Amino acid sequence: MAMSEVASNAVVKPLWNRRRPPKELIPHDDVHGRPDSASFPSGHTAAAVGFTGAVAAVWPTAGAACVLPAAAVAVQRVHSGAHYPSDVAAGAAIGGLGAWAVHRLPRLLRRLIL
């Protein structure tokens, strides 16, 4: 989770200084308190998917239980007007890659070193 959020917020987000969706695109009036930071990618979604993927790698049943809350985070980020759908998709990809890296890279590094 931490790796995914750091990759999203500290590495990718500064590269794309994408503005948040304009309030006019949000079909409801409950749009307030949006962050001033860049929109792309969604760090919340990256963290949620990263957590879900990391849990699923070691405990598949618990990981399956985490899928719905992670999806809810992604939907909420778009619904609240904080992100475009592509921001959430990129965050999910970063989260999945982060979970994969945390699970697989130590084993790959041990093979290369030993």
PDB file of N, CA and C in Angstrom:
ATOM      1  N   MET A   1       0.825  -1.175   0.000  1.00  0.00           N
ATOM      2  CA  MET A   1       0.000   0.000   0.000  1.00  0.00           C
ATOM      3  C   MET A   1       0.877   1.250   0.000  1.00  0.00           C
ATOM      4  N   ALA A   2       1.856   1.273   0.876  1.00  0.00           N
ATOM      5  CA  ALA A   2       2.719   2.451   0.971  1.00  0.00           C
ATOM      6  C   ALA A   2       3.493   2.659  -0.324  1.00  0.00           C
ATOM      7  N   MET A   3       3.999   1.571  -0.881  1.00  0.00           N
ATOM      8  CA  MET A   3       4.755   1.684  -2.135  1.00  0.00           C
ATOM      9  C   MET A   3       3.875   2.259  -3.250  1.00  0.00           C
ATOM     10  N   SER A   4       2.650   1.801  -3.333  1.00  0.00           N
ATOM     11  CA  SER A   4       1.726   2.276  -4.357  1.00  0.00           C
ATOM     12  C   SER A   4       1.394   3.749  -4.173  1.00  0.00           C
ATOM     13  N   GLU A   5       1.160   4.154  -2.935  1.00  0.00           N
ATOM     14  CA  GLU A   5       0.813   5.547  -2.686  1.00  0.00           C
ATOM     15  C   GLU A   5       1.997   6.474  -2.933  1.00  0.00           C
ATOM     16  N   VAL A   6       3.182   6.054  -2.536  1.00  0.00           N
ATOM     17  CA  VAL A   6       4.378   6.871  -2.794  1.00  0.00           C
ATOM     18  C   VAL A   6       4.623   6.983  -4.294  1.00  0.00           C
ATOM     19  N   ALA A   7       4.507   5.877  -5.010  1.00  0.00           N
ATOM     20  CA  ALA A   7       4.700   5.918  -6.463  1.00  0.00           C
ATOM     21  C   ALA A   7       3.684   6.849  -7.118  1.00  0.00           C
ATOM     22  N   SER A   8       2.460   6.791  -6.660  1.00  0.00           N
ATOM     23  CA  SER A   8       1.405   7.621  -7.225  1.00  0.00           C
ATOM     24  C   SER A   8       1.605   9.095  -6.902  1.00  0.00           C
ATOM     25  N   ASN A   9       1.751   9.401  -5.611  1.00  0.00           N
ATOM     26  CA  ASN A   9       1.756  10.795  -5.173  1.00  0.00           C
ATOM     27  C   ASN A   9       3.107  11.488  -5.279  1.00  0.00           C
ATOM     28  N   ALA A  10       4.197  10.759  -5.108  1.00  0.00           N
ATOM     29  CA  ALA A  10       5.512  11.401  -5.105  1.00  0.00           C
ATOM     30  C   ALA A  10       6.248  11.266  -6.430  1.00  0.00           C
ATOM     31  N   VAL A  11       5.878  10.274  -7.244  1.00  0.00           N
ATOM     32  CA  VAL A  11       6.589  10.069  -8.508  1.00  0.00           C
ATOM     33  C   VAL A  11       5.744  10.486  -9.708  1.00  0.00           C
ATOM     34  N   VAL A  12       4.578   9.884  -9.868  1.00  0.00           N
ATOM     35  CA  VAL A  12       3.774  10.115 -11.072  1.00  0.00           C
ATOM     36  C   VAL A  12       3.021  11.445 -11.020  1.00  0.00           C
ATOM     37  N   LYS A  13       2.420  11.773  -9.895  1.00  0.00           N
ATOM     38  CA  LYS A  13       1.598  12.993  -9.799  1.00  0.00           C
ATOM     39  C   LYS A  13       2.378  14.257 -10.170  1.00  0.00           C
ATOM     40  N   PRO A  14       3.635  14.422  -9.729  1.00  0.00           N
ATOM     41  CA  PRO A  14       4.380  15.625 -10.135  1.00  0.00           C
ATOM     42  C   PRO A  14       4.700  15.678 -11.632  1.00  0.00           C
ATOM     43  N   LEU A  15       4.716  14.533 -12.291  1.00  0.00           N
ATOM     44  CA  LEU A  15       4.996  14.514 -13.727  1.00  0.00           C
ATOM     45  C   LEU A  15       3.821  15.029 -14.552  1.00  0.00           C
ATOM     46  N   TRP A  16       2.600  14.786 -14.077  1.00  0.00           N
ATOM     47  CA  TRP A  16       1.391  15.246 -14.755  1.00  0.00           C
ATOM     48  C   TRP A  16       0.685  16.212 -13.830  1.00  0.00           C
ATOM     49  N   ASN A  17       0.727  17.459 -14.138  1.00  0.00           N
ATOM     50  CA  ASN A  17       0.073  18.454 -13.295  1.00  0.00           C
ATOM     51  C   ASN A  17      -1.351  18.692 -13.807  1.00  0.00           C
ATOM     52  N   ARG A  18      -2.133  17.639 -13.806  1.00  0.00           N
ATOM     53  CA  ARG A  18      -3.501  17.696 -14.324  1.00  0.00           C
ATOM     54  C   ARG A  18      -4.443  18.298 -13.287  1.00  0.00           C
ATOM     55  N   ARG A  19      -5.249  19.241 -13.727  1.00  0.00           N
ATOM     56  CA  ARG A  19      -6.224  19.873 -12.836  1.00  0.00           C
ATOM     57  C   ARG A  19      -7.361  18.914 -12.499  1.00  0.00           C
ATOM     58  N   ARG A  20      -8.001  19.179 -11.383  1.00  0.00           N
ATOM     59  CA  ARG A  20      -9.176  18.406 -10.976  1.00  0.00           C
ATOM     60  C   ARG A  20     -10.317  18.682 -11.955  1.00  0.00           C
ATOM     61  N   PRO A  21     -11.280  17.771 -12.045  1.00  0.00           N
ATOM     62  CA  PRO A  21     -12.425  18.020 -12.936  1.00  0.00           C
ATOM     63  C   PRO A  21     -13.148  19.302 -12.528  1.00  0.00           C
ATOM     64  N   PRO A  22     -13.607  20.091 -13.508  1.00  0.00           N
ATOM     65  CA  PRO A  22     -14.356  21.300 -13.160  1.00  0.00           C
ATOM     66  C   PRO A  22     -15.686  20.950 -12.486  1.00  0.00           C
ATOM     67  N   LYS A  23     -16.095  21.801 -11.575  1.00  0.00           N
ATOM     68  CA  LYS A  23     -17.337  21.557 -10.831  1.00  0.00           C
ATOM     69  C   LYS A  23     -18.540  21.424 -11.770  1.00  0.00           C
ATOM     70  N   GLU A  24     -18.474  22.054 -12.917  1.00  0.00           N
ATOM     71  CA  GLU A  24     -19.593  22.005 -13.864  1.00  0.00           C
ATOM     72  C   GLU A  24     -19.822  20.590 -14.417  1.00  0.00           C
ATOM     73  N   LEU A  25     -18.810  19.742 -14.396  1.00  0.00           N
ATOM     74  CA  LEU A  25     -18.950  18.376 -14.900  1.00  0.00           C
ATOM     75  C   LEU A  25     -19.574  17.428 -13.874  1.00  0.00           C
ATOM     76  N   ILE A  26     -19.641  17.854 -12.638  1.00  0.00           N
ATOM     77  CA  ILE A  26     -20.163  16.992 -11.578  1.00  0.00           C
ATOM     78  C   ILE A  26     -21.684  17.188 -11.520  1.00  0.00           C
ATOM     79  N   PRO A  27     -22.465  16.105 -11.674  1.00  0.00           N
ATOM     80  CA  PRO A  27     -23.924  16.239 -11.792  1.00  0.00           C
ATOM     81  C   PRO A  27     -24.667  16.496 -10.481  1.00  0.00           C
ATOM     82  N   HIS A  28     -23.965  16.723  -9.396  1.00  0.00           N
ATOM     83  CA  HIS A  28     -24.631  17.003  -8.126  1.00  0.00           C
ATOM     84  C   HIS A  28     -23.970  18.227  -7.482  1.00  0.00           C
ATOM     85  N   ASP A  29     -24.614  18.779  -6.488  1.00  0.00           N
ATOM     86  CA  ASP A  29     -24.120  20.008  -5.859  1.00  0.00           C
ATOM     87  C   ASP A  29     -23.205  19.752  -4.668  1.00  0.00           C
ATOM     88  N   ASP A  30     -22.954  18.516  -4.351  1.00  0.00           N
ATOM     89  CA  ASP A  30     -22.153  18.173  -3.179  1.00  0.00           C
ATOM     90  C   ASP A  30     -20.664  18.082  -3.538  1.00  0.00           C
ATOM     91  N   VAL A  31     -20.146  19.134  -4.128  1.00  0.00           N
ATOM     92  CA  VAL A  31     -18.736  19.159  -4.527  1.00  0.00           C
ATOM     93  C   VAL A  31     -18.054  20.258  -3.717  1.00  0.00           C
ATOM     94  N   HIS A  32     -17.337  19.848  -2.688  1.00  0.00           N
ATOM     95  CA  HIS A  32     -16.597  20.806  -1.874  1.00  0.00           C
ATOM     96  C   HIS A  32     -15.424  20.106  -1.197  1.00  0.00           C
ATOM     97  N   GLY A  33     -14.470  20.875  -0.766  1.00  0.00           N
ATOM     98  CA  GLY A  33     -13.325  20.321  -0.061  1.00  0.00           C
ATOM     99  C   GLY A  33     -12.416  19.465  -0.928  1.00  0.00           C
ATOM    100  N   ARG A  34     -12.358  19.767  -2.226  1.00  0.00           N
ATOM    101  CA  ARG A  34     -11.481  18.977  -3.089  1.00  0.00           C
ATOM    102  C   ARG A  34     -10.036  19.418  -2.906  1.00  0.00           C
ATOM    103  N   PRO A  35      -9.086  18.495  -3.022  1.00  0.00           N
ATOM    104  CA  PRO A  35      -7.675  18.864  -2.858  1.00  0.00           C
ATOM    105  C   PRO A  35      -7.209  19.836  -3.946  1.00  0.00           C
ATOM    106  N   ASP A  36      -6.168  20.576  -3.629  1.00  0.00           N
ATOM    107  CA  ASP A  36      -5.574  21.489  -4.600  1.00  0.00           C
ATOM    108  C   ASP A  36      -4.466  20.820  -5.413  1.00  0.00           C
ATOM    109  N   SER A  37      -4.073  19.626  -5.015  1.00  0.00           N
ATOM    110  CA  SER A  37      -2.988  18.921  -5.708  1.00  0.00           C
ATOM    111  C   SER A  37      -3.453  18.439  -7.083  1.00  0.00           C
ATOM    112  N   ALA A  38      -2.501  17.912  -7.837  1.00  0.00           N
ATOM    113  CA  ALA A  38      -2.805  17.391  -9.167  1.00  0.00           C
ATOM    114  C   ALA A  38      -3.789  16.232  -9.074  1.00  0.00           C
ATOM    115  N   SER A  39      -4.525  16.026 -10.148  1.00  0.00           N
ATOM    116  CA  SER A  39      -5.576  15.016 -10.183  1.00  0.00           C
ATOM    117  C   SER A  39      -5.064  13.636 -10.594  1.00  0.00           C
ATOM    118  N   PHE A  40      -4.090  13.581 -11.476  1.00  0.00           N
ATOM    119  CA  PHE A  40      -3.647  12.318 -12.077  1.00  0.00           C
ATOM    120  C   PHE A  40      -2.352  11.847 -11.449  1.00  0.00           C
ATOM    121  N   PRO A  41      -2.314  10.622 -10.973  1.00  0.00           N
ATOM    122  CA  PRO A  41      -3.332   9.589 -10.789  1.00  0.00           C
ATOM    123  C   PRO A  41      -3.966   9.697  -9.398  1.00  0.00           C
ATOM    124  N   SER A  42      -4.933   8.866  -9.125  1.00  0.00           N
ATOM    125  CA  SER A  42      -5.596   8.856  -7.831  1.00  0.00           C
ATOM    126  C   SER A  42      -4.768   8.077  -6.810  1.00  0.00           C
ATOM    127  N   GLY A  43      -4.229   8.797  -5.832  1.00  0.00           N
ATOM    128  CA  GLY A  43      -3.447   8.150  -4.781  1.00  0.00           C
ATOM    129  C   GLY A  43      -4.302   7.293  -3.872  1.00  0.00           C
ATOM    130  N   HIS A  44      -5.546   7.721  -3.619  1.00  0.00           N
ATOM    131  CA  HIS A  44      -6.445   6.915  -2.789  1.00  0.00           C
ATOM    132  C   HIS A  44      -6.704   5.555  -3.440  1.00  0.00           C
ATOM    133  N   THR A  45      -6.958   5.581  -4.746  1.00  0.00           N
ATOM    134  CA  THR A  45      -7.224   4.323  -5.449  1.00  0.00           C
ATOM    135  C   THR A  45      -5.967   3.457  -5.495  1.00  0.00           C
ATOM    136  N   ALA A  46      -4.818   4.078  -5.724  1.00  0.00           N
ATOM    137  CA  ALA A  46      -3.560   3.314  -5.740  1.00  0.00           C
ATOM    138  C   ALA A  46      -3.347   2.616  -4.400  1.00  0.00           C
ATOM    139  N   ALA A  47      -3.589   3.329  -3.306  1.00  0.00           N
ATOM    140  CA  ALA A  47      -3.413   2.731  -1.983  1.00  0.00           C
ATOM    141  C   ALA A  47      -4.418   1.612  -1.735  1.00  0.00           C
ATOM    142  N   ALA A  48      -5.673   1.830  -2.119  1.00  0.00           N
ATOM    143  CA  ALA A  48      -6.711   0.809  -1.886  1.00  0.00           C
ATOM    144  C   ALA A  48      -6.437  -0.457  -2.689  1.00  0.00           C
ATOM    145  N   VAL A  49      -6.070  -0.292  -3.947  1.00  0.00           N
ATOM    146  CA  VAL A  49      -5.783  -1.460  -4.791  1.00  0.00           C
ATOM    147  C   VAL A  49      -4.475  -2.118  -4.353  1.00  0.00           C
ATOM    148  N   GLY A  50      -3.486  -1.316  -3.988  1.00  0.00           N
ATOM    149  CA  GLY A  50      -2.228  -1.875  -3.488  1.00  0.00           C
ATOM    150  C   GLY A  50      -2.438  -2.713  -2.243  1.00  0.00           C
ATOM    151  N   PHE A  51      -3.236  -2.205  -1.321  1.00  0.00           N
ATOM    152  CA  PHE A  51      -3.548  -2.953  -0.104  1.00  0.00           C
ATOM    153  C   PHE A  51      -4.269  -4.254  -0.440  1.00  0.00           C
ATOM    154  N   THR A  52      -5.282  -4.156  -1.292  1.00  0.00           N
ATOM    155  CA  THR A  52      -6.065  -5.331  -1.679  1.00  0.00           C
ATOM    156  C   THR A  52      -5.182  -6.382  -2.338  1.00  0.00           C
ATOM    157  N   GLY A  53      -4.322  -5.944  -3.258  1.00  0.00           N
ATOM    158  CA  GLY A  53      -3.430  -6.890  -3.936  1.00  0.00           C
ATOM    159  C   GLY A  53      -2.433  -7.532  -2.998  1.00  0.00           C
ATOM    160  N   ALA A  54      -1.901  -6.752  -2.065  1.00  0.00           N
ATOM    161  CA  ALA A  54      -0.932  -7.303  -1.110  1.00  0.00           C
ATOM    162  C   ALA A  54      -1.590  -8.314  -0.179  1.00  0.00           C
ATOM    163  N   VAL A  55      -2.792  -8.007   0.273  1.00  0.00           N
ATOM    164  CA  VAL A  55      -3.514  -8.946   1.137  1.00  0.00           C
ATOM    165  C   VAL A  55      -3.865 -10.214   0.363  1.00  0.00           C
ATOM    166  N   ALA A  56      -4.347 -10.045  -0.863  1.00  0.00           N
ATOM    167  CA  ALA A  56      -4.752 -11.203  -1.672  1.00  0.00           C
ATOM    168  C   ALA A  56      -3.591 -12.140  -1.959  1.00  0.00           C
ATOM    169  N   ALA A  57      -2.390 -11.598  -2.058  1.00  0.00           N
ATOM    170  CA  ALA A  57      -1.219 -12.439  -2.350  1.00  0.00           C
ATOM    171  C   ALA A  57      -0.900 -13.406  -1.218  1.00  0.00           C
ATOM    172  N   VAL A  58      -1.218 -13.016   0.017  1.00  0.00           N
ATOM    173  CA  VAL A  58      -0.893 -13.884   1.151  1.00  0.00           C
ATOM    174  C   VAL A  58      -2.124 -14.516   1.800  1.00  0.00           C
ATOM    175  N   TRP A  59      -3.306 -13.950   1.555  1.00  0.00           N
ATOM    176  CA  TRP A  59      -4.539 -14.463   2.146  1.00  0.00           C
ATOM    177  C   TRP A  59      -5.668 -14.193   1.168  1.00  0.00           C
ATOM    178  N   PRO A  60      -5.836 -15.070   0.182  1.00  0.00           N
ATOM    179  CA  PRO A  60      -6.806 -14.824  -0.897  1.00  0.00           C
ATOM    180  C   PRO A  60      -8.234 -14.549  -0.439  1.00  0.00           C
ATOM    181  N   THR A  61      -8.694 -15.206   0.599  1.00  0.00           N
ATOM    182  CA  THR A  61     -10.059 -14.978   1.066  1.00  0.00           C
ATOM    183  C   THR A  61     -10.233 -13.554   1.594  1.00  0.00           C
ATOM    184  N   ALA A  62      -9.280 -13.099   2.378  1.00  0.00           N
ATOM    185  CA  ALA A  62      -9.338 -11.724   2.891  1.00  0.00           C
ATOM    186  C   ALA A  62      -9.168 -10.729   1.749  1.00  0.00           C
ATOM    187  N   GLY A  63      -8.315 -11.066   0.779  1.00  0.00           N
ATOM    188  CA  GLY A  63      -8.143 -10.202  -0.373  1.00  0.00           C
ATOM    189  C   GLY A  63      -9.428 -10.039  -1.161  1.00  0.00           C
ATOM    190  N   ALA A  64     -10.180 -11.127  -1.297  1.00  0.00           N
ATOM    191  CA  ALA A  64     -11.463 -11.060  -1.987  1.00  0.00           C
ATOM    192  C   ALA A  64     -12.435 -10.157  -1.231  1.00  0.00           C
ATOM    193  N   ALA A  65     -12.365 -10.191   0.095  1.00  0.00           N
ATOM    194  CA  ALA A  65     -13.231  -9.328   0.902  1.00  0.00           C
ATOM    195  C   ALA A  65     -12.853  -7.855   0.763  1.00  0.00           C
ATOM    196  N   CYS A  66     -11.624  -7.578   0.370  1.00  0.00           N
ATOM    197  CA  CYS A  66     -11.156  -6.200   0.216  1.00  0.00           C
ATOM    198  C   CYS A  66     -11.487  -5.605  -1.150  1.00  0.00           C
ATOM    199  N   VAL A  67     -11.902  -6.421  -2.105  1.00  0.00           N
ATOM    200  CA  VAL A  67     -12.152  -5.933  -3.465  1.00  0.00           C
ATOM    201  C   VAL A  67     -13.280  -4.905  -3.491  1.00  0.00           C
ATOM    202  N   LEU A  68     -14.375  -5.199  -2.832  1.00  0.00           N
ATOM    203  CA  LEU A  68     -15.514  -4.281  -2.856  1.00  0.00           C
ATOM    204  C   LEU A  68     -15.179  -2.922  -2.215  1.00  0.00           C
ATOM    205  N   PRO A  69     -14.547  -2.881  -1.043  1.00  0.00           N
ATOM    206  CA  PRO A  69     -14.167  -1.569  -0.497  1.00  0.00           C
ATOM    207  C   PRO A  69     -13.189  -0.806  -1.400  1.00  0.00           C
ATOM    208  N   ALA A  70     -12.265  -1.510  -2.031  1.00  0.00           N
ATOM    209  CA  ALA A  70     -11.333  -0.838  -2.945  1.00  0.00           C
ATOM    210  C   ALA A  70     -12.075  -0.249  -4.140  1.00  0.00           C
ATOM    211  N   ALA A  71     -13.021  -0.996  -4.668  1.00  0.00           N
ATOM    212  CA  ALA A  71     -13.837  -0.482  -5.777  1.00  0.00           C
ATOM    213  C   ALA A  71     -14.675   0.711  -5.327  1.00  0.00           C
ATOM    214  N   ALA A  72     -15.169   0.664  -4.101  1.00  0.00           N
ATOM    215  CA  ALA A  72     -15.946   1.784  -3.571  1.00  0.00           C
ATOM    216  C   ALA A  72     -15.100   3.048  -3.460  1.00  0.00           C
ATOM    217  N   VAL A  73     -13.845   2.895  -3.076  1.00  0.00           N
ATOM    218  CA  VAL A  73     -12.933   4.048  -3.024  1.00  0.00           C
ATOM    219  C   VAL A  73     -12.803   4.653  -4.416  1.00  0.00           C
ATOM    220  N   ALA A  74     -12.593   3.824  -5.422  1.00  0.00           N
ATOM    221  CA  ALA A  74     -12.430   4.308  -6.791  1.00  0.00           C
ATOM    222  C   ALA A  74     -13.675   5.041  -7.278  1.00  0.00           C
ATOM    223  N   VAL A  75     -14.838   4.464  -7.034  1.00  0.00           N
ATOM    224  CA  VAL A  75     -16.095   5.085  -7.465  1.00  0.00           C
ATOM    225  C   VAL A  75     -16.312   6.408  -6.731  1.00  0.00           C
ATOM    226  N   GLN A  76     -16.033   6.425  -5.448  1.00  0.00           N
ATOM    227  CA  GLN A  76     -16.231   7.637  -4.662  1.00  0.00           C
ATOM    228  C   GLN A  76     -15.333   8.770  -5.139  1.00  0.00           C
ATOM    229  N   ARG A  77     -14.113   8.464  -5.552  1.00  0.00           N
ATOM    230  CA  ARG A  77     -13.192   9.513  -6.008  1.00  0.00           C
ATOM    231  C   ARG A  77     -13.726  10.200  -7.264  1.00  0.00           C
ATOM    232  N   VAL A  78     -14.367   9.445  -8.127  1.00  0.00           N
ATOM    233  CA  VAL A  78     -14.969  10.045  -9.331  1.00  0.00           C
ATOM    234  C   VAL A  78     -16.259  10.766  -8.954  1.00  0.00           C
ATOM    235  N   HIS A  79     -17.101  10.125  -8.167  1.00  0.00           N
ATOM    236  CA  HIS A  79     -18.387  10.706  -7.788  1.00  0.00           C
ATOM    237  C   HIS A  79     -18.222  12.033  -7.040  1.00  0.00           C
ATOM    238  N   SER A  80     -17.177  12.131  -6.214  1.00  0.00           N
ATOM    239  CA  SER A  80     -16.958  13.351  -5.430  1.00  0.00           C
ATOM    240  C   SER A  80     -16.419  14.498  -6.274  1.00  0.00           C
ATOM    241  N   GLY A  81     -16.022  14.198  -7.497  1.00  0.00           N
ATOM    242  CA  GLY A  81     -15.466  15.228  -8.362  1.00  0.00           C
ATOM    243  C   GLY A  81     -13.981  15.447  -8.157  1.00  0.00           C
ATOM    244  N   ALA A  82     -13.349  14.605  -7.371  1.00  0.00           N
ATOM    245  CA  ALA A  82     -11.915  14.757  -7.109  1.00  0.00           C
ATOM    246  C   ALA A  82     -11.068  14.242  -8.267  1.00  0.00           C
ATOM    247  N   HIS A  83     -11.611  13.301  -9.068  1.00  0.00           N
ATOM    248  CA  HIS A  83     -10.830  12.672 -10.128  1.00  0.00           C
ATOM    249  C   HIS A  83     -11.675  12.370 -11.357  1.00  0.00           C
ATOM    250  N   TYR A  84     -10.983  12.317 -12.478  1.00  0.00           N
ATOM    251  CA  TYR A  84     -11.555  11.789 -13.708  1.00  0.00           C
ATOM    252  C   TYR A  84     -11.476  10.262 -13.641  1.00  0.00           C
ATOM    253  N   PRO A  85     -12.287   9.536 -14.400  1.00  0.00           N
ATOM    254  CA  PRO A  85     -12.174   8.067 -14.415  1.00  0.00           C
ATOM    255  C   PRO A  85     -10.775   7.581 -14.806  1.00  0.00           C
ATOM    256  N   SER A  86     -10.102   8.285 -15.698  1.00  0.00           N
ATOM    257  CA  SER A  86      -8.749   7.861 -16.090  1.00  0.00           C
ATOM    258  C   SER A  86      -7.752   8.015 -14.942  1.00  0.00           C
ATOM    259  N   ASP A  87      -7.970   8.977 -14.048  1.00  0.00           N
ATOM    260  CA  ASP A  87      -7.111   9.119 -12.867  1.00  0.00           C
ATOM    261  C   ASP A  87      -7.226   7.883 -11.976  1.00  0.00           C
ATOM    262  N   VAL A  88      -8.466   7.427 -11.821  1.00  0.00           N
ATOM    263  CA  VAL A  88      -8.734   6.258 -10.990  1.00  0.00           C
ATOM    264  C   VAL A  88      -8.167   4.995 -11.642  1.00  0.00           C
ATOM    265  N   ALA A  89      -8.313   4.877 -12.957  1.00  0.00           N
ATOM    266  CA  ALA A  89      -7.771   3.705 -13.663  1.00  0.00           C
ATOM    267  C   ALA A  89      -6.247   3.661 -13.521  1.00  0.00           C
ATOM    268  N   ALA A  90      -5.602   4.813 -13.663  1.00  0.00           N
ATOM    269  CA  ALA A  90      -4.140   4.855 -13.510  1.00  0.00           C
ATOM    270  C   ALA A  90      -3.744   4.530 -12.073  1.00  0.00           C
ATOM    271  N   GLY A  91      -4.494   5.046 -11.106  1.00  0.00           N
ATOM    272  CA  GLY A  91      -4.217   4.721  -9.708  1.00  0.00           C
ATOM    273  C   GLY A  91      -4.355   3.231  -9.434  1.00  0.00           C
ATOM    274  N   ALA A  92      -5.374   2.613 -10.026  1.00  0.00           N
ATOM    275  CA  ALA A  92      -5.566   1.170  -9.848  1.00  0.00           C
ATOM    276  C   ALA A  92      -4.405   0.386 -10.464  1.00  0.00           C
ATOM    277  N   ALA A  93      -3.945   0.826 -11.627  1.00  0.00           N
ATOM    278  CA  ALA A  93      -2.806   0.151 -12.269  1.00  0.00           C
ATOM    279  C   ALA A  93      -1.548   0.284 -11.415  1.00  0.00           C
ATOM    280  N   ILE A  94      -1.312   1.475 -10.881  1.00  0.00           N
ATOM    281  CA  ILE A  94      -0.146   1.676 -10.022  1.00  0.00           C
ATOM    282  C   ILE A  94      -0.264   0.830  -8.763  1.00  0.00           C
ATOM    283  N   GLY A  95      -1.465   0.771  -8.179  1.00  0.00           N
ATOM    284  CA  GLY A  95      -1.676  -0.058  -6.996  1.00  0.00           C
ATOM    285  C   GLY A  95      -1.438  -1.532  -7.265  1.00  0.00           C
ATOM    286  N   GLY A  96      -1.935  -2.018  -8.392  1.00  0.00           N
ATOM    287  CA  GLY A  96      -1.710  -3.423  -8.761  1.00  0.00           C
ATOM    288  C   GLY A  96      -0.244  -3.718  -8.994  1.00  0.00           C
ATOM    289  N   LEU A  97       0.434  -2.817  -9.667  1.00  0.00           N
ATOM    290  CA  LEU A  97       1.875  -2.991  -9.916  1.00  0.00           C
ATOM    291  C   LEU A  97       2.658  -2.944  -8.604  1.00  0.00           C
ATOM    292  N   GLY A  98       2.258  -2.048  -7.708  1.00  0.00           N
ATOM    293  CA  GLY A  98       2.928  -1.970  -6.409  1.00  0.00           C
ATOM    294  C   GLY A  98       2.758  -3.246  -5.607  1.00  0.00           C
ATOM    295  N   ALA A  99       1.553  -3.793  -5.595  1.00  0.00           N
ATOM    296  CA  ALA A  99       1.308  -5.045  -4.871  1.00  0.00           C
ATOM    297  C   ALA A  99       2.116  -6.186  -5.476  1.00  0.00           C
ATOM    298  N   TRP A 100       2.165  -6.228  -6.799  1.00  0.00           N
ATOM    299  CA  TRP A 100       2.955  -7.263  -7.470  1.00  0.00           C
ATOM    300  C   TRP A 100       4.431  -7.114  -7.105  1.00  0.00           C
ATOM    301  N   ALA A 101       4.926  -5.890  -7.140  1.00  0.00           N
ATOM    302  CA  ALA A 101       6.348  -5.654  -6.861  1.00  0.00           C
ATOM    303  C   ALA A 101       6.716  -6.054  -5.439  1.00  0.00           C
ATOM    304  N   VAL A 102       5.881  -5.690  -4.491  1.00  0.00           N
ATOM    305  CA  VAL A 102       6.169  -6.024  -3.095  1.00  0.00           C
ATOM    306  C   VAL A 102       6.162  -7.536  -2.895  1.00  0.00           C
ATOM    307  N   HIS A 103       5.307  -8.216  -3.602  1.00  0.00           N
ATOM    308  CA  HIS A 103       5.206  -9.671  -3.455  1.00  0.00           C
ATOM    309  C   HIS A 103       6.301 -10.415  -4.217  1.00  0.00           C
ATOM    310  N   ARG A 104       6.651  -9.966  -5.412  1.00  0.00           N
ATOM    311  CA  ARG A 104       7.558 -10.716  -6.292  1.00  0.00           C
ATOM    312  C   ARG A 104       9.006 -10.251  -6.303  1.00  0.00           C
ATOM    313  N   LEU A 105       9.251  -8.967  -6.173  1.00  0.00           N
ATOM    314  CA  LEU A 105      10.616  -8.465  -6.330  1.00  0.00           C
ATOM    315  C   LEU A 105      11.615  -9.040  -5.336  1.00  0.00           C
ATOM    316  N   PRO A 106      11.278  -9.228  -4.056  1.00  0.00           N
ATOM    317  CA  PRO A 106      12.271  -9.834  -3.156  1.00  0.00           C
ATOM    318  C   PRO A 106      12.747 -11.206  -3.646  1.00  0.00           C
ATOM    319  N   ARG A 107      11.831 -12.011  -4.142  1.00  0.00           N
ATOM    320  CA  ARG A 107      12.189 -13.334  -4.652  1.00  0.00           C
ATOM    321  C   ARG A 107      13.071 -13.210  -5.901  1.00  0.00           C
ATOM    322  N   LEU A 108      12.725 -12.298  -6.782  1.00  0.00           N
ATOM    323  CA  LEU A 108      13.529 -12.095  -7.990  1.00  0.00           C
ATOM    324  C   LEU A 108      14.917 -11.577  -7.659  1.00  0.00           C
ATOM    325  N   LEU A 109      14.994 -10.676  -6.704  1.00  0.00           N
ATOM    326  CA  LEU A 109      16.308 -10.145  -6.292  1.00  0.00           C
ATOM    327  C   LEU A 109      17.175 -11.227  -5.667  1.00  0.00           C
ATOM    328  N   ARG A 110      16.578 -12.095  -4.857  1.00  0.00           N
ATOM    329  CA  ARG A 110      17.346 -13.198  -4.248  1.00  0.00           C
ATOM    330  C   ARG A 110      17.907 -14.110  -5.337  1.00  0.00           C
ATOM    331  N   ARG A 111      17.130 -14.374  -6.381  1.00  0.00           N
ATOM    332  CA  ARG A 111      17.613 -15.208  -7.484  1.00  0.00           C
ATOM    333  C   ARG A 111      18.790 -14.569  -8.196  1.00  0.00           C
ATOM    334  N   LEU A 112      18.722 -13.266  -8.385  1.00  0.00           N
ATOM    335  CA  LEU A 112      19.792 -12.559  -9.094  1.00  0.00           C
ATOM    336  C   LEU A 112      21.066 -12.511  -8.251  1.00  0.00           C
ATOM    337  N   ILE A 113      20.921 -12.352  -6.944  1.00  0.00           N
ATOM    338  CA  ILE A 113      22.071 -12.203  -6.065  1.00  0.00           C
ATOM    339  C   ILE A 113      22.699 -13.561  -5.745  1.00  0.00           C
ATOM    340  N   LEU A 114      21.878 -14.560  -5.558  1.00  0.00           N
ATOM    341  CA  LEU A 114      22.417 -15.880  -5.152  1.00  0.00           C
ATOM    342  C   LEU A 114      22.669 -16.751  -6.319  1.00  0.00           C
TER     343      LEU A 114
END
